[in-house]
């Protein structure tokens, strides 16, 4: 199963907080860690594809260091095309056995 997380944009009023996936939700986890943990618990053999855009260097480095099993895809048009272009970036992973999540 492919689990696609679209987290390419910042939320309204949250731009100053930085990348959506790295925002802390409690003392232990940030948004991405919580999503990763939940997906792997329910679907242990799934492939996680993370689409990022805003503050791309931070999330790219974070994923590279901490989550080598996650496929990270950069949406270079996140600010103008948004979710539609993100889906286009991951079209090869879209199949009948796919779950789509939003990173926020």
Protein backbone atom coordinates (compact mmCIF):
# COMPACT_ATOMS: atom_id res chain seq x y z
CA UNK A 1 0.00 0.00 0.00
CA UNK A 2 1.14 3.52 -0.79
CA UNK A 3 0.49 6.18 1.84
CA UNK A 4 0.92 9.66 0.39
CA UNK A 5 1.25 12.64 2.72
CA UNK A 6 0.79 16.00 1.03
CA UNK A 7 2.47 18.63 3.19
CA UNK A 8 3.69 21.15 0.68
CA UNK A 9 2.18 24.34 2.07
CA UNK A 10 1.99 26.22 5.31
CA UNK A 11 -1.35 26.73 7.02
CA UNK A 12 -2.93 30.14 7.28
CA UNK A 13 -1.34 32.01 10.17
CA UNK A 14 1.31 29.30 10.63
CA UNK A 15 3.98 30.52 8.18
CA UNK A 16 6.17 31.77 11.02
CA UNK A 17 6.10 28.28 12.63
CA UNK A 18 7.91 26.79 9.64
CA UNK A 19 7.39 23.51 7.82
CA UNK A 20 4.05 21.90 8.68
CA UNK A 21 5.52 18.45 9.27
CA UNK A 22 8.02 19.73 11.82
CA UNK A 23 5.54 21.57 14.03
CA UNK A 24 5.46 19.98 17.46
CA UNK A 25 2.13 18.59 18.62
CA UNK A 26 3.39 17.62 22.07
CA UNK A 27 6.71 17.23 23.90
CA UNK A 28 7.48 13.92 22.17
CA UNK A 29 6.30 14.21 18.58
CA UNK A 30 6.02 16.58 15.68
CA UNK A 31 3.23 16.27 13.09
CA UNK A 32 5.24 14.03 10.75
CA UNK A 33 6.43 11.69 13.51
CA UNK A 34 2.86 11.23 14.67
CA UNK A 35 1.64 10.49 11.15
CA UNK A 36 4.52 8.10 10.49
CA UNK A 37 3.94 6.22 13.74
CA UNK A 38 0.20 5.91 13.09
CA UNK A 39 0.63 4.72 9.50
CA UNK A 40 3.29 2.15 10.39
CA UNK A 41 1.16 0.85 13.25
CA UNK A 42 -1.90 0.26 11.05
CA UNK A 43 -0.11 -0.57 7.78
CA UNK A 44 3.38 -1.87 8.68
CA UNK A 45 4.33 -2.83 5.11
CA UNK A 46 3.17 0.40 3.51
CA UNK A 47 5.38 2.71 1.49
CA UNK A 48 5.22 6.32 2.70
CA UNK A 49 5.57 9.10 0.14
CA UNK A 50 5.93 12.61 1.56
CA UNK A 51 5.35 15.62 -0.72
CA UNK A 52 6.98 18.77 0.61
CA UNK A 53 7.46 22.34 -0.60
CA UNK A 54 7.54 25.16 1.94
CA UNK A 55 10.92 25.37 3.73
CA UNK A 56 12.05 22.42 1.68
CA UNK A 57 15.64 22.21 2.95
CA UNK A 58 14.59 21.71 6.58
CA UNK A 59 12.19 18.86 5.91
CA UNK A 60 14.46 17.31 3.27
CA UNK A 61 17.37 17.13 5.73
CA UNK A 62 15.12 15.88 8.53
CA UNK A 63 13.73 13.03 6.45
CA UNK A 64 17.13 12.10 5.04
CA UNK A 65 18.66 11.81 8.52
CA UNK A 66 15.75 10.25 10.43
CA UNK A 67 13.53 8.39 7.95
CA UNK A 68 15.43 6.70 5.15
CA UNK A 69 12.42 4.52 4.28
CA UNK A 70 10.28 7.54 3.35
CA UNK A 71 10.21 8.63 -0.28
CA UNK A 72 10.40 12.44 -0.29
CA UNK A 73 9.22 14.38 -3.33
CA UNK A 74 9.66 18.12 -3.74
CA UNK A 75 6.79 20.18 -5.19
CA UNK A 76 8.59 23.20 -6.62
CA UNK A 77 5.27 24.89 -7.51
CA UNK A 78 3.71 24.55 -4.06
CA UNK A 79 3.03 28.26 -3.73
CA UNK A 80 1.19 28.65 -7.02
CA UNK A 81 -0.23 25.24 -7.97
CA UNK A 82 -0.66 23.64 -4.55
CA UNK A 83 -2.29 20.26 -4.05
CA UNK A 84 -3.05 19.67 -7.72
CA UNK A 85 0.61 19.82 -8.65
CA UNK A 86 1.49 17.68 -5.63
CA UNK A 87 -0.80 14.95 -6.92
CA UNK A 88 0.84 15.27 -10.32
CA UNK A 89 4.26 14.81 -8.66
CA UNK A 90 3.15 11.49 -7.14
CA UNK A 91 1.02 10.18 -9.99
CA UNK A 92 3.20 7.07 -10.35
CA UNK A 93 2.24 6.09 -6.77
CA UNK A 94 -1.51 6.60 -7.23
CA UNK A 95 -3.17 3.22 -7.67
CA UNK A 96 -6.11 1.26 -6.31
CA UNK A 97 -4.18 0.48 -3.11
CA UNK A 98 -3.40 4.02 -1.98
CA UNK A 99 -4.21 6.26 0.99
CA UNK A 100 -3.94 10.02 0.76
CA UNK A 101 -3.21 12.19 3.81
CA UNK A 102 -2.67 15.88 4.32
CA UNK A 103 0.34 16.92 6.35
CA UNK A 104 -1.60 19.26 8.55
